[in-house]
């Protein structure tokens, strides 16, 4: 096996990797994997394969849910961020539900910070491989690869259940008293009364009634405390609308500006999240009057170049993005 340090070094070499064209999922990672699809977990496999860690990360994966289950099945999984370390593989659920079945993104932990945030190295984030700062809002959990010299996982799995103690149990008891009027003694002891109240909460909200308070139940609790049912989907944190830097780089700010323009001109109703996903691609294709298949292929790129007053070609390069940024700034797109 390799080491966490080697895995992180391999990941850092991918920084700046982009898709050609944006939204196509085509780059050196997907070429290596042999499949042009969402490539966040392919990046983990690529980093592992190039640092002697493929066996340590449980093998080669493209499907995030299957990868998380593999860590879990090998006893190398932990819910939430408690005890996380550099080199761990962290899994996200952008819906806010924070369940393994809802996992749709993954990254490698580069650093852990005292304020509870982590720095990650992620593929397929805004169509590139980027360094991100994350908190626990959408984290389902993490897997600890079997690196040489890997630290043991925490003694608990991150779930509160009968027998658990401490401040987290007190917070749960307070919340159950608020939303269930459970009348619990807030003593930090997860006993039969807390178990019964939690099961009643789970039944009321159509969750698995198992008496276990993990990330998914916690997400539903967070919504219930605000008077909502289900879960609350976190909103993307983007800068306020402003003139774009005309740098030829198709990043989140340019994508968000494009989404706003498409919403204005076509009523697309897109979430302005800075992510060039299939819905945004389809909206762009509809606007350009090409087949709306959600894939940024040659016809779409040629139509975009033509619309921007450039030579109609099927290559989306820095000239395409530069002209797009100028048009978005001028309000002429």
C-alpha atoms as a PDB file:
ATOM      1  CA  UNK A   1       0.000   0.000   0.000  1.00  0.00           C
ATOM      2  CA  UNK A   2       0.978   3.613  -0.439  1.00  0.00           C
ATOM      3  CA  UNK A   3       0.540   6.460   1.999  1.00  0.00           C
ATOM      4  CA  UNK A   4      -1.905   9.323   2.589  1.00  0.00           C
ATOM      5  CA  UNK A   5       0.900  11.761   1.765  1.00  0.00           C
ATOM      6  CA  UNK A   6       1.421  10.090  -1.607  1.00  0.00           C
ATOM      7  CA  UNK A   7      -2.312  10.110  -2.342  1.00  0.00           C
ATOM      8  CA  UNK A   8      -2.552  13.830  -1.618  1.00  0.00           C
ATOM      9  CA  UNK A   9       0.503  14.541  -3.768  1.00  0.00           C
ATOM     10  CA  UNK A  10      -1.092  12.685  -6.692  1.00  0.00           C
ATOM     11  CA  UNK A  11      -4.298  14.667  -6.226  1.00  0.00           C
ATOM     12  CA  UNK A  12      -2.485  18.001  -6.187  1.00  0.00           C
ATOM     13  CA  UNK A  13      -1.025  17.204  -9.593  1.00  0.00           C
ATOM     14  CA  UNK A  14      -4.588  17.207 -10.973  1.00  0.00           C
ATOM     15  CA  UNK A  15      -5.339  20.765  -9.844  1.00  0.00           C
ATOM     16  CA  UNK A  16      -6.414  22.843 -12.820  1.00  0.00           C
ATOM     17  CA  UNK A  17      -7.572  19.838 -14.863  1.00  0.00           C
ATOM     18  CA  UNK A  18     -10.656  20.869 -16.839  1.00  0.00           C
ATOM     19  CA  UNK A  19     -13.141  19.386 -19.289  1.00  0.00           C
ATOM     20  CA  UNK A  20     -12.818  19.917 -23.020  1.00  0.00           C
ATOM     21  CA  UNK A  21     -15.356  21.282 -23.801  1.00  0.00           C
ATOM     22  CA  UNK A  22     -16.986  22.341 -20.504  1.00  0.00           C
ATOM     23  CA  UNK A  23     -19.822  20.012 -19.559  1.00  0.00           C
ATOM     24  CA  UNK A  24     -18.485  17.124 -21.650  1.00  0.00           C
ATOM     25  CA  UNK A  25     -16.780  15.089 -18.879  1.00  0.00           C
ATOM     26  CA  UNK A  26     -13.852  14.593 -21.249  1.00  0.00           C
ATOM     27  CA  UNK A  27     -10.341  14.998 -19.851  1.00  0.00           C
ATOM     28  CA  UNK A  28      -7.276  12.985 -18.866  1.00  0.00           C
ATOM     29  CA  UNK A  29      -9.064  11.391 -15.881  1.00  0.00           C
ATOM     30  CA  UNK A  30     -12.025  10.048 -17.834  1.00  0.00           C
ATOM     31  CA  UNK A  31      -9.717   9.020 -20.675  1.00  0.00           C
ATOM     32  CA  UNK A  32      -7.659   6.987 -18.178  1.00  0.00           C
ATOM     33  CA  UNK A  33     -10.792   5.472 -16.636  1.00  0.00           C
ATOM     34  CA  UNK A  34     -12.302   4.669 -20.022  1.00  0.00           C
ATOM     35  CA  UNK A  35     -15.661   6.318 -19.477  1.00  0.00           C
ATOM     36  CA  UNK A  36     -16.800   9.903 -20.176  1.00  0.00           C
ATOM     37  CA  UNK A  37     -19.137  10.457 -17.233  1.00  0.00           C
ATOM     38  CA  UNK A  38     -19.211  12.344 -13.923  1.00  0.00           C
ATOM     39  CA  UNK A  39     -15.618  12.033 -12.793  1.00  0.00           C
ATOM     40  CA  UNK A  40     -15.364  12.995  -9.106  1.00  0.00           C
ATOM     41  CA  UNK A  41     -14.912   9.377  -7.987  1.00  0.00           C
ATOM     42  CA  UNK A  42     -12.885   8.536 -11.071  1.00  0.00           C
ATOM     43  CA  UNK A  43     -10.461  11.178  -9.783  1.00  0.00           C
ATOM     44  CA  UNK A  44     -10.118   9.316  -6.477  1.00  0.00           C
ATOM     45  CA  UNK A  45      -9.336   6.149  -8.439  1.00  0.00           C
ATOM     46  CA  UNK A  46      -6.853   8.018 -10.617  1.00  0.00           C
ATOM     47  CA  UNK A  47      -5.053   9.503  -7.600  1.00  0.00           C
ATOM     48  CA  UNK A  48      -4.944   6.106  -5.928  1.00  0.00           C
ATOM     49  CA  UNK A  49      -3.670   4.310  -9.016  1.00  0.00           C
ATOM     50  CA  UNK A  50      -0.901   6.896  -9.412  1.00  0.00           C
ATOM     51  CA  UNK A  51       0.233   6.638  -5.792  1.00  0.00           C
ATOM     52  CA  UNK A  52       0.116   2.887  -5.145  1.00  0.00           C
ATOM     53  CA  UNK A  53      -3.173   3.169  -3.247  1.00  0.00           C
ATOM     54  CA  UNK A  54      -5.807   1.567  -5.459  1.00  0.00           C
ATOM     55  CA  UNK A  55      -6.291  -1.364  -3.079  1.00  0.00           C
ATOM     56  CA  UNK A  56      -6.233   1.028  -0.120  1.00  0.00           C
ATOM     57  CA  UNK A  57      -9.292   2.913  -1.436  1.00  0.00           C
ATOM     58  CA  UNK A  58     -11.171  -0.375  -1.998  1.00  0.00           C
ATOM     59  CA  UNK A  59     -10.587  -0.457  -5.756  1.00  0.00           C
ATOM     60  CA  UNK A  60     -11.587   1.455  -8.868  1.00  0.00           C
ATOM     61  CA  UNK A  61     -14.930   3.277  -8.671  1.00  0.00           C
ATOM     62  CA  UNK A  62     -16.997   5.757 -10.653  1.00  0.00           C
ATOM     63  CA  UNK A  63     -20.234   5.369  -8.629  1.00  0.00           C
ATOM     64  CA  UNK A  64     -20.010   7.261  -5.339  1.00  0.00           C
ATOM     65  CA  UNK A  65     -22.710   5.295  -3.511  1.00  0.00           C
ATOM     66  CA  UNK A  66     -21.020   1.983  -4.321  1.00  0.00           C
ATOM     67  CA  UNK A  67     -17.671   3.364  -3.181  1.00  0.00           C
ATOM     68  CA  UNK A  68     -19.095   4.495   0.180  1.00  0.00           C
ATOM     69  CA  UNK A  69     -20.702   1.078   0.669  1.00  0.00           C
ATOM     70  CA  UNK A  70     -17.365  -0.579  -0.068  1.00  0.00           C
ATOM     71  CA  UNK A  71     -15.687   1.417   2.703  1.00  0.00           C
ATOM     72  CA  UNK A  72     -18.591   0.555   4.991  1.00  0.00           C
ATOM     73  CA  UNK A  73     -18.453  -3.153   4.157  1.00  0.00           C
ATOM     74  CA  UNK A  74     -14.741  -3.199   4.963  1.00  0.00           C
ATOM     75  CA  UNK A  75     -15.224  -1.526   8.329  1.00  0.00           C
ATOM     76  CA  UNK A  76     -13.511   1.679   7.200  1.00  0.00           C
ATOM     77  CA  UNK A  77     -16.471   4.069   7.232  1.00  0.00           C
ATOM     78  CA  UNK A  78     -17.508   6.854   9.639  1.00  0.00           C
ATOM     79  CA  UNK A  79     -20.597   9.092   9.522  1.00  0.00           C
ATOM     80  CA  UNK A  80     -20.125  12.855   9.700  1.00  0.00           C
ATOM     81  CA  UNK A  81     -16.803  14.654  10.095  1.00  0.00           C
ATOM     82  CA  UNK A  82     -15.809  13.540  13.589  1.00  0.00           C
ATOM     83  CA  UNK A  83     -12.221  12.269  13.620  1.00  0.00           C
ATOM     84  CA  UNK A  84     -11.613  12.986   9.935  1.00  0.00           C
ATOM     85  CA  UNK A  85      -7.979  13.253   8.786  1.00  0.00           C
ATOM     86  CA  UNK A  86      -5.994  14.325   5.761  1.00  0.00           C
ATOM     87  CA  UNK A  87      -6.073  11.544   3.175  1.00  0.00           C
ATOM     88  CA  UNK A  88      -9.604  10.415   4.022  1.00  0.00           C
ATOM     89  CA  UNK A  89     -12.180  10.145   1.225  1.00  0.00           C
ATOM     90  CA  UNK A  90     -15.188  12.310   2.073  1.00  0.00           C
ATOM     91  CA  UNK A  91     -18.645  11.817   0.550  1.00  0.00           C
ATOM     92  CA  UNK A  92     -21.329  14.489  -0.006  1.00  0.00           C
ATOM     93  CA  UNK A  93     -25.076  14.547  -0.630  1.00  0.00           C
ATOM     94  CA  UNK A  94     -25.925  17.897  -2.245  1.00  0.00           C
ATOM     95  CA  UNK A  95     -29.649  17.387  -1.658  1.00  0.00           C
ATOM     96  CA  UNK A  96     -29.002  18.024   2.028  1.00  0.00           C
ATOM     97  CA  UNK A  97     -30.429  14.623   2.976  1.00  0.00           C
ATOM     98  CA  UNK A  98     -27.024  13.270   3.991  1.00  0.00           C
ATOM     99  CA  UNK A  99     -27.796   9.602   3.353  1.00  0.00           C
ATOM    100  CA  UNK A 100     -25.520   7.057   1.674  1.00  0.00           C
ATOM    101  CA  UNK A 101     -28.187   6.417  -0.956  1.00  0.00           C
ATOM    102  CA  UNK A 102     -28.150  10.128  -1.800  1.00  0.00           C
ATOM    103  CA  UNK A 103     -24.372  10.530  -2.183  1.00  0.00           C
ATOM    104  CA  UNK A 104     -23.546  12.362  -5.406  1.00  0.00           C
ATOM    105  CA  UNK A 105     -20.043  13.748  -4.888  1.00  0.00           C
ATOM    106  CA  UNK A 106     -16.721  12.829  -3.322  1.00  0.00           C
ATOM    107  CA  UNK A 107     -13.366  14.431  -2.621  1.00  0.00           C
ATOM    108  CA  UNK A 108     -10.030  13.795  -0.951  1.00  0.00           C
ATOM    109  CA  UNK A 109      -9.300  15.575   2.334  1.00  0.00           C
ATOM    110  CA  UNK A 110      -6.152  17.684   2.069  1.00  0.00           C
ATOM    111  CA  UNK A 111      -6.347  19.386   5.475  1.00  0.00           C
ATOM    112  CA  UNK A 112      -8.541  19.500   8.591  1.00  0.00           C
ATOM    113  CA  UNK A 113      -9.098  22.816  10.388  1.00  0.00           C
ATOM    114  CA  UNK A 114      -9.829  23.660  14.023  1.00  0.00           C
ATOM    115  CA  UNK A 115     -13.086  25.449  13.120  1.00  0.00           C
ATOM    116  CA  UNK A 116     -14.656  22.221  11.853  1.00  0.00           C
ATOM    117  CA  UNK A 117     -14.045  22.812   8.147  1.00  0.00           C
ATOM    118  CA  UNK A 118     -11.914  20.760   5.769  1.00  0.00           C
ATOM    119  CA  UNK A 119      -9.937  21.546   2.648  1.00  0.00           C
ATOM    120  CA  UNK A 120     -10.613  19.052  -0.114  1.00  0.00           C
ATOM    121  CA  UNK A 121      -9.209  18.185  -3.519  1.00  0.00           C
ATOM    122  CA  UNK A 122     -12.136  17.406  -5.826  1.00  0.00           C
ATOM    123  CA  UNK A 123     -12.699  16.391  -9.405  1.00  0.00           C
ATOM    124  CA  UNK A 124     -15.815  17.342 -11.377  1.00  0.00           C
ATOM    125  CA  UNK A 125     -16.507  20.447  -9.310  1.00  0.00           C
ATOM    126  CA  UNK A 126     -17.607  23.265 -11.643  1.00  0.00           C
ATOM    127  CA  UNK A 127     -16.195  21.214 -14.537  1.00  0.00           C
ATOM    128  CA  UNK A 128     -12.654  21.143 -13.150  1.00  0.00           C
ATOM    129  CA  UNK A 129     -10.381  19.675 -10.503  1.00  0.00           C
ATOM    130  CA  UNK A 130     -10.285  22.248  -7.726  1.00  0.00           C
ATOM    131  CA  UNK A 131      -9.351  22.854  -4.120  1.00  0.00           C
ATOM    132  CA  UNK A 132     -12.453  23.497  -1.990  1.00  0.00           C
ATOM    133  CA  UNK A 133     -13.192  24.563   1.592  1.00  0.00           C
ATOM    134  CA  UNK A 134     -16.115  22.535   2.960  1.00  0.00           C
ATOM    135  CA  UNK A 135     -18.121  22.317   6.162  1.00  0.00           C
ATOM    136  CA  UNK A 136     -20.288  19.435   7.333  1.00  0.00           C
ATOM    137  CA  UNK A 137     -23.606  20.703   5.936  1.00  0.00           C
ATOM    138  CA  UNK A 138     -23.786  18.123   3.132  1.00  0.00           C
ATOM    139  CA  UNK A 139     -21.275  15.545   4.377  1.00  0.00           C
ATOM    140  CA  UNK A 140     -22.632  12.021   4.743  1.00  0.00           C
ATOM    141  CA  UNK A 141     -19.394  10.555   6.023  1.00  0.00           C
ATOM    142  CA  UNK A 142     -15.922   9.470   5.079  1.00  0.00           C
ATOM    143  CA  UNK A 143     -13.922   6.375   4.293  1.00  0.00           C
ATOM    144  CA  UNK A 144     -10.441   5.860   5.652  1.00  0.00           C
ATOM    145  CA  UNK A 145      -8.240   4.135   3.075  1.00  0.00           C
ATOM    146  CA  UNK A 146      -6.007   1.320   4.268  1.00  0.00           C
ATOM    147  CA  UNK A 147      -2.822   3.326   3.794  1.00  0.00           C
ATOM    148  CA  UNK A 148       0.463   2.159   5.253  1.00  0.00           C
ATOM    149  CA  UNK A 149       0.504   3.658   8.728  1.00  0.00           C
ATOM    150  CA  UNK A 150      -3.163   4.737   8.577  1.00  0.00           C
ATOM    151  CA  UNK A 151      -4.593   5.851  11.927  1.00  0.00           C
ATOM    152  CA  UNK A 152      -7.454   3.792  13.354  1.00  0.00           C
ATOM    153  CA  UNK A 153     -10.950   5.168  12.951  1.00  0.00           C
ATOM    154  CA  UNK A 154     -12.693   6.706  15.978  1.00  0.00           C
ATOM    155  CA  UNK A 155     -14.095   4.132  18.402  1.00  0.00           C
ATOM    156  CA  UNK A 156     -17.678   5.086  17.460  1.00  0.00           C
ATOM    157  CA  UNK A 157     -19.215   5.321  13.986  1.00  0.00           C
ATOM    158  CA  UNK A 158     -20.664   8.832  14.310  1.00  0.00           C
ATOM    159  CA  UNK A 159     -24.237   7.724  15.078  1.00  0.00           C
ATOM    160  CA  UNK A 160     -26.037   8.409  18.363  1.00  0.00           C
ATOM    161  CA  UNK A 161     -27.960   5.437  19.727  1.00  0.00           C
ATOM    162  CA  UNK A 162     -28.974   3.870  23.041  1.00  0.00           C
ATOM    163  CA  UNK A 163     -25.944   3.990  25.327  1.00  0.00           C
ATOM    164  CA  UNK A 164     -24.437   7.135  23.754  1.00  0.00           C
ATOM    165  CA  UNK A 165     -23.554   9.999  26.085  1.00  0.00           C
ATOM    166  CA  UNK A 166     -22.341  13.576  25.958  1.00  0.00           C
ATOM    167  CA  UNK A 167     -23.130  17.020  24.560  1.00  0.00           C
ATOM    168  CA  UNK A 168     -24.457  15.683  21.268  1.00  0.00           C
ATOM    169  CA  UNK A 169     -27.038  13.615  23.142  1.00  0.00           C
ATOM    170  CA  UNK A 170     -28.051  16.703  25.147  1.00  0.00           C
ATOM    171  CA  UNK A 171     -28.595  18.613  21.914  1.00  0.00           C
ATOM    172  CA  UNK A 172     -30.712  15.763  20.543  1.00  0.00           C
ATOM    173  CA  UNK A 173     -32.801  15.668  23.715  1.00  0.00           C
ATOM    174  CA  UNK A 174     -33.391  19.427  23.561  1.00  0.00           C
ATOM    175  CA  UNK A 175     -34.443  19.133  19.916  1.00  0.00           C
ATOM    176  CA  UNK A 176     -36.809  16.245  20.637  1.00  0.00           C
ATOM    177  CA  UNK A 177     -38.366  18.269  23.417  1.00  0.00           C
ATOM    178  CA  UNK A 178     -38.862  21.147  20.963  1.00  0.00           C
ATOM    179  CA  UNK A 179     -40.335  19.250  18.012  1.00  0.00           C
ATOM    180  CA  UNK A 180     -41.943  16.305  19.829  1.00  0.00           C
ATOM    181  CA  UNK A 181     -42.741  17.809  23.236  1.00  0.00           C
ATOM    182  CA  UNK A 182     -41.037  14.673  24.508  1.00  0.00           C
ATOM    183  CA  UNK A 183     -40.485  15.926  28.040  1.00  0.00           C
ATOM    184  CA  UNK A 184     -37.016  14.381  28.198  1.00  0.00           C
ATOM    185  CA  UNK A 185     -34.553  15.126  30.963  1.00  0.00           C
ATOM    186  CA  UNK A 186     -31.638  16.799  29.200  1.00  0.00           C
ATOM    187  CA  UNK A 187     -28.888  14.786  30.869  1.00  0.00           C
ATOM    188  CA  UNK A 188     -26.779  13.606  27.926  1.00  0.00           C
ATOM    189  CA  UNK A 189     -27.720   9.970  28.556  1.00  0.00           C
ATOM    190  CA  UNK A 190     -29.271   8.169  25.582  1.00  0.00           C
ATOM    191  CA  UNK A 191     -31.577   5.837  27.482  1.00  0.00           C
ATOM    192  CA  UNK A 192     -34.966   4.189  26.803  1.00  0.00           C
ATOM    193  CA  UNK A 193     -36.932   7.466  26.961  1.00  0.00           C
ATOM    194  CA  UNK A 194     -34.686   9.184  24.410  1.00  0.00           C
ATOM    195  CA  UNK A 195     -34.811   6.072  22.231  1.00  0.00           C
ATOM    196  CA  UNK A 196     -38.607   6.049  22.333  1.00  0.00           C
ATOM    197  CA  UNK A 197     -38.851   9.754  21.523  1.00  0.00           C
ATOM    198  CA  UNK A 198     -36.420   9.432  18.623  1.00  0.00           C
ATOM    199  CA  UNK A 199     -38.317   6.479  17.187  1.00  0.00           C
ATOM    200  CA  UNK A 200     -41.545   8.479  17.409  1.00  0.00           C
ATOM    201  CA  UNK A 201     -39.866  11.329  15.512  1.00  0.00           C
ATOM    202  CA  UNK A 202     -38.605   8.936  12.838  1.00  0.00           C
ATOM    203  CA  UNK A 203     -42.045   7.369  12.425  1.00  0.00           C
ATOM    204  CA  UNK A 204     -43.722  10.767  12.160  1.00  0.00           C
ATOM    205  CA  UNK A 205     -41.309  11.846   9.419  1.00  0.00           C
ATOM    206  CA  UNK A 206     -41.443   8.529   7.530  1.00  0.00           C
ATOM    207  CA  UNK A 207     -37.824   7.637   8.271  1.00  0.00           C
ATOM    208  CA  UNK A 208     -36.410   4.204   9.038  1.00  0.00           C
ATOM    209  CA  UNK A 209     -37.470   3.629  12.639  1.00  0.00           C
ATOM    210  CA  UNK A 210     -34.229   2.285  14.083  1.00  0.00           C
ATOM    211  CA  UNK A 211     -33.531   4.559  17.051  1.00  0.00           C
ATOM    212  CA  UNK A 212     -30.262   5.684  15.436  1.00  0.00           C
ATOM    213  CA  UNK A 213     -29.528   9.376  15.050  1.00  0.00           C
ATOM    214  CA  UNK A 214     -27.260   9.713  12.040  1.00  0.00           C
ATOM    215  CA  UNK A 215     -26.730  12.402   9.381  1.00  0.00           C
ATOM    216  CA  UNK A 216     -29.979  11.714   7.515  1.00  0.00           C
ATOM    217  CA  UNK A 217     -32.208  11.897  10.604  1.00  0.00           C
ATOM    218  CA  UNK A 218     -30.227  14.958  11.715  1.00  0.00           C
ATOM    219  CA  UNK A 219     -30.970  16.668   8.375  1.00  0.00           C
ATOM    220  CA  UNK A 220     -34.689  16.005   8.819  1.00  0.00           C
ATOM    221  CA  UNK A 221     -34.467  17.274  12.412  1.00  0.00           C
ATOM    222  CA  UNK A 222     -32.816  20.494  11.190  1.00  0.00           C
ATOM    223  CA  UNK A 223     -35.732  21.062   8.822  1.00  0.00           C
ATOM    224  CA  UNK A 224     -38.329  20.189  11.482  1.00  0.00           C
ATOM    225  CA  UNK A 225     -36.858  22.760  13.858  1.00  0.00           C
ATOM    226  CA  UNK A 226     -37.505  25.372  11.148  1.00  0.00           C
ATOM    227  CA  UNK A 227     -41.046  24.160  10.582  1.00  0.00           C
ATOM    228  CA  UNK A 228     -40.330  22.259   7.389  1.00  0.00           C
ATOM    229  CA  UNK A 229     -40.878  18.639   6.431  1.00  0.00           C
ATOM    230  CA  UNK A 230     -38.281  16.564   4.629  1.00  0.00           C
ATOM    231  CA  UNK A 231     -34.869  18.206   4.308  1.00  0.00           C
ATOM    232  CA  UNK A 232     -33.747  21.697   3.342  1.00  0.00           C
ATOM    233  CA  UNK A 233     -31.505  21.771   0.294  1.00  0.00           C
ATOM    234  CA  UNK A 234     -28.512  24.033   0.967  1.00  0.00           C
ATOM    235  CA  UNK A 235     -28.089  26.935  -1.414  1.00  0.00           C
ATOM    236  CA  UNK A 236     -24.874  27.402  -3.335  1.00  0.00           C
ATOM    237  CA  UNK A 237     -22.683  30.185  -1.979  1.00  0.00           C
ATOM    238  CA  UNK A 238     -21.833  32.437  -4.909  1.00  0.00           C
ATOM    239  CA  UNK A 239     -20.642  36.038  -5.107  1.00  0.00           C
ATOM    240  CA  UNK A 240     -23.282  38.654  -5.872  1.00  0.00           C
ATOM    241  CA  UNK A 241     -23.790  39.319  -9.591  1.00  0.00           C
ATOM    242  CA  UNK A 242     -20.972  41.488 -10.906  1.00  0.00           C
ATOM    243  CA  UNK A 243     -18.950  42.061 -14.052  1.00  0.00           C
ATOM    244  CA  UNK A 244     -16.955  38.978 -14.918  1.00  0.00           C
ATOM    245  CA  UNK A 245     -13.207  38.945 -15.165  1.00  0.00           C
ATOM    246  CA  UNK A 246     -12.569  38.369 -18.863  1.00  0.00           C
ATOM    247  CA  UNK A 247      -9.916  35.700 -18.449  1.00  0.00           C
ATOM    248  CA  UNK A 248     -11.084  32.893 -20.749  1.00  0.00           C
ATOM    249  CA  UNK A 249     -11.637  30.547 -17.789  1.00  0.00           C
ATOM    250  CA  UNK A 250     -15.075  28.935 -17.590  1.00  0.00           C
ATOM    251  CA  UNK A 251     -15.452  28.794 -13.818  1.00  0.00           C
ATOM    252  CA  UNK A 252     -18.393  29.041 -11.378  1.00  0.00           C
ATOM    253  CA  UNK A 253     -18.784  32.832 -11.755  1.00  0.00           C
ATOM    254  CA  UNK A 254     -19.067  32.628 -15.550  1.00  0.00           C
ATOM    255  CA  UNK A 255     -21.402  29.653 -15.346  1.00  0.00           C
ATOM    256  CA  UNK A 256     -23.616  31.465 -12.814  1.00  0.00           C
ATOM    257  CA  UNK A 257     -23.761  34.521 -15.091  1.00  0.00           C
ATOM    258  CA  UNK A 258     -24.760  32.262 -17.987  1.00  0.00           C
ATOM    259  CA  UNK A 259     -27.470  30.655 -15.855  1.00  0.00           C
ATOM    260  CA  UNK A 260     -28.860  34.078 -14.930  1.00  0.00           C
ATOM    261  CA  UNK A 261     -28.861  35.104 -18.604  1.00  0.00           C
ATOM    262  CA  UNK A 262     -30.673  31.915 -19.647  1.00  0.00           C
ATOM    263  CA  UNK A 263     -33.250  32.411 -16.901  1.00  0.00           C
ATOM    264  CA  UNK A 264     -33.868  35.947 -18.141  1.00  0.00           C
ATOM    265  CA  UNK A 265     -33.971  35.223 -21.857  1.00  0.00           C
ATOM    266  CA  UNK A 266     -35.673  31.821 -21.889  1.00  0.00           C
ATOM    267  CA  UNK A 267     -37.349  31.472 -18.493  1.00  0.00           C
ATOM    268  CA  UNK A 268     -35.306  28.329 -17.915  1.00  0.00           C
ATOM    269  CA  UNK A 269     -35.824  28.409 -14.142  1.00  0.00           C
ATOM    270  CA  UNK A 270     -32.310  27.174 -13.431  1.00  0.00           C
ATOM    271  CA  UNK A 271     -30.837  27.106  -9.947  1.00  0.00           C
ATOM    272  CA  UNK A 272     -27.997  29.621 -10.112  1.00  0.00           C
ATOM    273  CA  UNK A 273     -25.347  27.409  -8.562  1.00  0.00           C
ATOM    274  CA  UNK A 274     -22.371  27.903 -10.873  1.00  0.00           C
ATOM    275  CA  UNK A 275     -22.415  24.245 -11.919  1.00  0.00           C
ATOM    276  CA  UNK A 276     -22.592  23.467 -15.632  1.00  0.00           C
ATOM    277  CA  UNK A 277     -24.760  20.389 -15.270  1.00  0.00           C
ATOM    278  CA  UNK A 278     -27.171  18.715 -17.716  1.00  0.00           C
ATOM    279  CA  UNK A 279     -30.082  21.082 -16.971  1.00  0.00           C
ATOM    280  CA  UNK A 280     -27.938  24.138 -17.706  1.00  0.00           C
ATOM    281  CA  UNK A 281     -26.557  22.517 -20.849  1.00  0.00           C
ATOM    282  CA  UNK A 282     -30.086  21.683 -22.035  1.00  0.00           C
ATOM    283  CA  UNK A 283     -31.212  25.257 -21.410  1.00  0.00           C
ATOM    284  CA  UNK A 284     -28.251  26.541 -23.431  1.00  0.00           C
ATOM    285  CA  UNK A 285     -28.999  24.063 -26.224  1.00  0.00           C
ATOM    286  CA  UNK A 286     -32.644  25.123 -26.336  1.00  0.00           C
ATOM    287  CA  UNK A 287     -31.538  28.751 -26.589  1.00  0.00           C
ATOM    288  CA  UNK A 288     -29.099  27.877 -29.390  1.00  0.00           C
ATOM    289  CA  UNK A 289     -31.760  25.768 -31.155  1.00  0.00           C
ATOM    290  CA  UNK A 290     -29.805  22.506 -31.165  1.00  0.00           C
ATOM    291  CA  UNK A 291     -30.803  19.112 -29.827  1.00  0.00           C
ATOM    292  CA  UNK A 292     -31.256  19.439 -26.066  1.00  0.00           C
ATOM    293  CA  UNK A 293     -29.579  16.242 -24.900  1.00  0.00           C
ATOM    294  CA  UNK A 294     -27.622  17.722 -21.971  1.00  0.00           C
ATOM    295  CA  UNK A 295     -24.260  16.837 -23.535  1.00  0.00           C
ATOM    296  CA  UNK A 296     -21.881  19.554 -24.708  1.00  0.00           C
ATOM    297  CA  UNK A 297     -21.091  18.001 -28.059  1.00  0.00           C
ATOM    298  CA  UNK A 298     -19.808  19.355 -31.390  1.00  0.00           C
ATOM    299  CA  UNK A 299     -23.190  20.729 -32.543  1.00  0.00           C
ATOM    300  CA  UNK A 300     -23.649  22.679 -29.316  1.00  0.00           C
ATOM    301  CA  UNK A 301     -20.130  24.115 -29.358  1.00  0.00           C
ATOM    302  CA  UNK A 302     -20.359  25.048 -33.037  1.00  0.00           C
ATOM    303  CA  UNK A 303     -23.686  26.801 -32.437  1.00  0.00           C
ATOM    304  CA  UNK A 304     -22.274  28.650 -29.424  1.00  0.00           C
ATOM    305  CA  UNK A 305     -19.249  29.893 -31.357  1.00  0.00           C
ATOM    306  CA  UNK A 306     -21.502  31.041 -34.173  1.00  0.00           C
ATOM    307  CA  UNK A 307     -23.852  32.809 -31.737  1.00  0.00           C
ATOM    308  CA  UNK A 308     -20.872  34.636 -30.214  1.00  0.00           C
ATOM    309  CA  UNK A 309     -19.720  35.852 -33.625  1.00  0.00           C
ATOM    310  CA  UNK A 310     -16.729  33.507 -33.778  1.00  0.00           C
ATOM    311  CA  UNK A 311     -15.704  31.052 -36.478  1.00  0.00           C
ATOM    312  CA  UNK A 312     -18.199  28.161 -36.297  1.00  0.00           C
ATOM    313  CA  UNK A 313     -16.039  25.322 -35.003  1.00  0.00           C
ATOM    314  CA  UNK A 314     -16.594  22.432 -32.631  1.00  0.00           C
ATOM    315  CA  UNK A 315     -13.783  23.474 -30.264  1.00  0.00           C
ATOM    316  CA  UNK A 316     -14.651  25.354 -27.059  1.00  0.00           C
ATOM    317  CA  UNK A 317     -11.394  27.117 -26.216  1.00  0.00           C
ATOM    318  CA  UNK A 318     -10.358  30.215 -24.281  1.00  0.00           C
ATOM    319  CA  UNK A 319     -11.502  32.415 -27.178  1.00  0.00           C
ATOM    320  CA  UNK A 320     -15.021  30.983 -26.838  1.00  0.00           C
ATOM    321  CA  UNK A 321     -15.114  31.648 -23.101  1.00  0.00           C
ATOM    322  CA  UNK A 322     -13.588  35.109 -23.465  1.00  0.00           C
ATOM    323  CA  UNK A 323     -16.228  36.129 -26.006  1.00  0.00           C
ATOM    324  CA  UNK A 324     -18.942  34.575 -23.814  1.00  0.00           C
ATOM    325  CA  UNK A 325     -17.736  36.581 -20.811  1.00  0.00           C
ATOM    326  CA  UNK A 326     -17.731  39.789 -22.843  1.00  0.00           C
ATOM    327  CA  UNK A 327     -21.276  39.124 -24.073  1.00  0.00           C
ATOM    328  CA  UNK A 328     -22.520  38.332 -20.567  1.00  0.00           C
ATOM    329  CA  UNK A 329     -20.918  41.510 -19.206  1.00  0.00           C
ATOM    330  CA  UNK A 330     -22.517  43.580 -21.985  1.00  0.00           C
ATOM    331  CA  UNK A 331     -25.906  41.899 -21.571  1.00  0.00           C
ATOM    332  CA  UNK A 332     -25.887  40.915 -25.239  1.00  0.00           C
ATOM    333  CA  UNK A 333     -25.721  37.135 -24.916  1.00  0.00           C
END
